[in-house]
Structures are given as structure tokens and as C-alpha cells.
Amino acid sequence: MKSVPTQTSKNYHSYLIESLKDPAEAAGYLEAFLEEDSPEPELCYTVLSHILEALGETSLKPE
């Protein structure tokens, strides 16, 4: 099996947010969530909040 370098958990959030700035990456991230047989509603909030953070938004809550 080929070893794939991964980010440490300390830097993973920063890495994830930086990668989600690419629209194709963000679409793939959301699509992966939506393809689950029975996605957990709590994860939907997490996925969308990560994408919004990458876009520079601060919250899912309406003003």
C-alpha cells in the first residue's frame, strides 16, 4: 500500500478550509456528504459551515 502524507490534526482544519476555497473542492466535499445513504443532519451543518468559512462567511445563522 502506498503511504500518503496527511496533515496533522492540529493543522487539518486550516488545510480543509484552504482547500475548500476551490469551488470544485467545495462541490466535491458537499457531494460526498449528500451521497451518503443516510447522512446525519448534524454533519450537514458542519459541512456547510466549513464551506461558508472558506468563502469568508462567519455563520450559518441569519442576521
N, C-alpha and C. Protein backbone atom coordinates (compact mmCIF):
# COMPACT_ATOMS: atom_id res chain seq x y z
N MET A 1 0.85 -1.17 0.00
CA MET A 1 0.00 0.00 0.00
C MET A 1 0.90 1.24 0.00
N LYS A 2 0.51 2.22 -0.78
CA LYS A 2 1.28 3.45 -0.88
C LYS A 2 0.96 4.37 0.30
N SER A 3 1.98 4.92 0.89
CA SER A 3 1.79 5.85 2.01
C SER A 3 1.48 7.24 1.46
N VAL A 4 0.42 7.84 1.97
CA VAL A 4 0.01 9.16 1.52
C VAL A 4 0.23 10.14 2.66
N PRO A 5 0.98 11.22 2.43
CA PRO A 5 1.20 12.18 3.50
C PRO A 5 -0.11 12.91 3.85
N THR A 6 -0.36 13.07 5.12
CA THR A 6 -1.56 13.77 5.56
C THR A 6 -1.18 14.87 6.54
N GLN A 7 -2.05 15.83 6.64
CA GLN A 7 -1.84 16.91 7.59
C GLN A 7 -2.06 16.39 9.01
N THR A 8 -1.39 16.98 9.97
CA THR A 8 -1.64 16.62 11.35
C THR A 8 -2.99 17.18 11.76
N SER A 9 -3.60 16.61 12.79
CA SER A 9 -4.91 17.07 13.20
C SER A 9 -4.88 18.53 13.63
N LYS A 10 -3.74 18.99 14.15
CA LYS A 10 -3.61 20.38 14.57
C LYS A 10 -3.82 21.33 13.39
N ASN A 11 -3.34 20.93 12.22
CA ASN A 11 -3.42 21.79 11.05
C ASN A 11 -4.52 21.37 10.08
N TYR A 12 -5.24 20.31 10.39
CA TYR A 12 -6.22 19.80 9.43
C TYR A 12 -7.32 20.81 9.12
N HIS A 13 -7.83 21.48 10.13
CA HIS A 13 -8.91 22.44 9.89
C HIS A 13 -8.44 23.54 8.93
N SER A 14 -7.26 24.07 9.16
CA SER A 14 -6.72 25.11 8.27
C SER A 14 -6.54 24.57 6.85
N TYR A 15 -6.03 23.35 6.76
CA TYR A 15 -5.84 22.71 5.46
C TYR A 15 -7.19 22.54 4.75
N LEU A 16 -8.19 22.06 5.49
CA LEU A 16 -9.51 21.83 4.92
C LEU A 16 -10.11 23.14 4.41
N ILE A 17 -10.09 24.17 5.23
CA ILE A 17 -10.67 25.45 4.84
C ILE A 17 -9.96 26.02 3.62
N GLU A 18 -8.65 25.92 3.60
CA GLU A 18 -7.88 26.42 2.44
C GLU A 18 -8.26 25.65 1.18
N SER A 19 -8.41 24.33 1.28
CA SER A 19 -8.76 23.53 0.09
C SER A 19 -10.18 23.82 -0.39
N LEU A 20 -11.08 24.16 0.54
CA LEU A 20 -12.47 24.42 0.16
C LEU A 20 -12.65 25.78 -0.50
N LYS A 21 -11.62 26.57 -0.57
CA LYS A 21 -11.69 27.85 -1.31
C LYS A 21 -11.79 27.60 -2.81
N ASP A 22 -11.37 26.41 -3.24
CA ASP A 22 -11.50 25.99 -4.63
C ASP A 22 -12.94 25.50 -4.83
N PRO A 23 -13.70 26.13 -5.73
CA PRO A 23 -15.11 25.73 -5.91
C PRO A 23 -15.30 24.25 -6.23
N ALA A 24 -14.39 23.66 -6.98
CA ALA A 24 -14.50 22.24 -7.31
C ALA A 24 -14.33 21.38 -6.06
N GLU A 25 -13.41 21.76 -5.19
CA GLU A 25 -13.19 21.03 -3.93
C GLU A 25 -14.42 21.16 -3.04
N ALA A 26 -14.97 22.37 -2.94
CA ALA A 26 -16.14 22.59 -2.11
C ALA A 26 -17.34 21.78 -2.63
N ALA A 27 -17.50 21.74 -3.94
CA ALA A 27 -18.59 20.97 -4.53
C ALA A 27 -18.41 19.48 -4.26
N GLY A 28 -17.20 19.00 -4.36
CA GLY A 28 -16.91 17.59 -4.09
C GLY A 28 -17.15 17.23 -2.64
N TYR A 29 -16.79 18.14 -1.75
CA TYR A 29 -16.98 17.94 -0.31
C TYR A 29 -18.47 17.83 0.01
N LEU A 30 -19.27 18.73 -0.55
CA LEU A 30 -20.71 18.70 -0.34
C LEU A 30 -21.32 17.47 -1.00
N GLU A 31 -20.87 17.15 -2.20
CA GLU A 31 -21.40 15.99 -2.91
C GLU A 31 -21.11 14.69 -2.15
N ALA A 32 -19.94 14.58 -1.58
CA ALA A 32 -19.60 13.38 -0.79
C ALA A 32 -20.56 13.22 0.38
N PHE A 33 -20.90 14.33 1.03
CA PHE A 33 -21.86 14.27 2.13
C PHE A 33 -23.24 13.83 1.62
N LEU A 34 -23.69 14.42 0.52
CA LEU A 34 -25.03 14.15 0.00
C LEU A 34 -25.17 12.74 -0.57
N GLU A 35 -24.06 12.10 -0.95
CA GLU A 35 -24.11 10.75 -1.49
C GLU A 35 -24.25 9.68 -0.41
N GLU A 36 -24.12 10.03 0.84
CA GLU A 36 -24.29 9.07 1.92
C GLU A 36 -25.71 8.51 1.89
N ASP A 37 -25.85 7.22 2.24
CA ASP A 37 -27.17 6.58 2.24
C ASP A 37 -28.12 7.25 3.22
N SER A 38 -27.65 7.53 4.40
CA SER A 38 -28.48 8.23 5.39
C SER A 38 -27.60 9.22 6.14
N PRO A 39 -27.36 10.38 5.52
CA PRO A 39 -26.47 11.37 6.14
C PRO A 39 -27.04 11.91 7.44
N GLU A 40 -26.16 12.13 8.39
CA GLU A 40 -26.57 12.67 9.68
C GLU A 40 -26.83 14.17 9.54
N PRO A 41 -27.98 14.65 10.01
CA PRO A 41 -28.30 16.08 9.89
C PRO A 41 -27.25 16.99 10.53
N GLU A 42 -26.64 16.54 11.62
CA GLU A 42 -25.63 17.36 12.28
C GLU A 42 -24.41 17.58 11.38
N LEU A 43 -24.10 16.58 10.56
CA LEU A 43 -22.96 16.72 9.65
C LEU A 43 -23.25 17.71 8.53
N CYS A 44 -24.49 17.85 8.16
CA CYS A 44 -24.86 18.84 7.13
C CYS A 44 -24.46 20.23 7.59
N TYR A 45 -24.77 20.54 8.83
CA TYR A 45 -24.40 21.84 9.40
C TYR A 45 -22.88 22.02 9.37
N THR A 46 -22.15 20.98 9.73
CA THR A 46 -20.69 21.05 9.75
C THR A 46 -20.13 21.26 8.34
N VAL A 47 -20.63 20.50 7.39
CA VAL A 47 -20.16 20.61 6.00
C VAL A 47 -20.43 22.02 5.47
N LEU A 48 -21.65 22.51 5.66
CA LEU A 48 -21.98 23.85 5.16
C LEU A 48 -21.19 24.94 5.88
N SER A 49 -20.95 24.77 7.18
CA SER A 49 -20.19 25.79 7.90
C SER A 49 -18.74 25.81 7.44
N HIS A 50 -18.17 24.66 7.11
CA HIS A 50 -16.80 24.63 6.57
C HIS A 50 -16.74 25.36 5.23
N ILE A 51 -17.72 25.11 4.37
CA ILE A 51 -17.73 25.76 3.06
C ILE A 51 -17.91 27.27 3.22
N LEU A 52 -18.81 27.68 4.09
CA LEU A 52 -19.01 29.12 4.31
C LEU A 52 -17.77 29.78 4.90
N GLU A 53 -17.10 29.08 5.80
CA GLU A 53 -15.86 29.63 6.36
C GLU A 53 -14.83 29.83 5.26
N ALA A 54 -14.73 28.88 4.34
CA ALA A 54 -13.79 29.00 3.23
C ALA A 54 -14.13 30.18 2.33
N LEU A 55 -15.42 30.49 2.22
CA LEU A 55 -15.86 31.61 1.39
C LEU A 55 -15.77 32.94 2.11
N GLY A 56 -15.40 32.90 3.39
CA GLY A 56 -15.26 34.14 4.14
C GLY A 56 -16.46 34.50 4.96
N GLU A 57 -17.48 33.65 4.95
CA GLU A 57 -18.67 33.89 5.77
C GLU A 57 -18.36 33.44 7.19
N THR A 58 -19.06 33.97 8.16
CA THR A 58 -18.75 33.62 9.54
C THR A 58 -19.78 32.73 10.20
N SER A 59 -20.98 32.63 9.63
CA SER A 59 -22.02 31.90 10.34
C SER A 59 -23.12 31.45 9.40
N LEU A 60 -23.79 30.36 9.79
CA LEU A 60 -24.99 29.92 9.07
C LEU A 60 -26.23 30.62 9.58
N LYS A 61 -26.12 31.26 10.74
CA LYS A 61 -27.28 31.89 11.35
C LYS A 61 -27.63 33.18 10.62
N PRO A 62 -28.92 33.39 10.33
CA PRO A 62 -29.31 34.65 9.66
C PRO A 62 -29.13 35.84 10.59
N GLU A 63 -28.87 36.97 10.00
CA GLU A 63 -28.68 38.18 10.81
C GLU A 63 -30.00 38.77 11.22
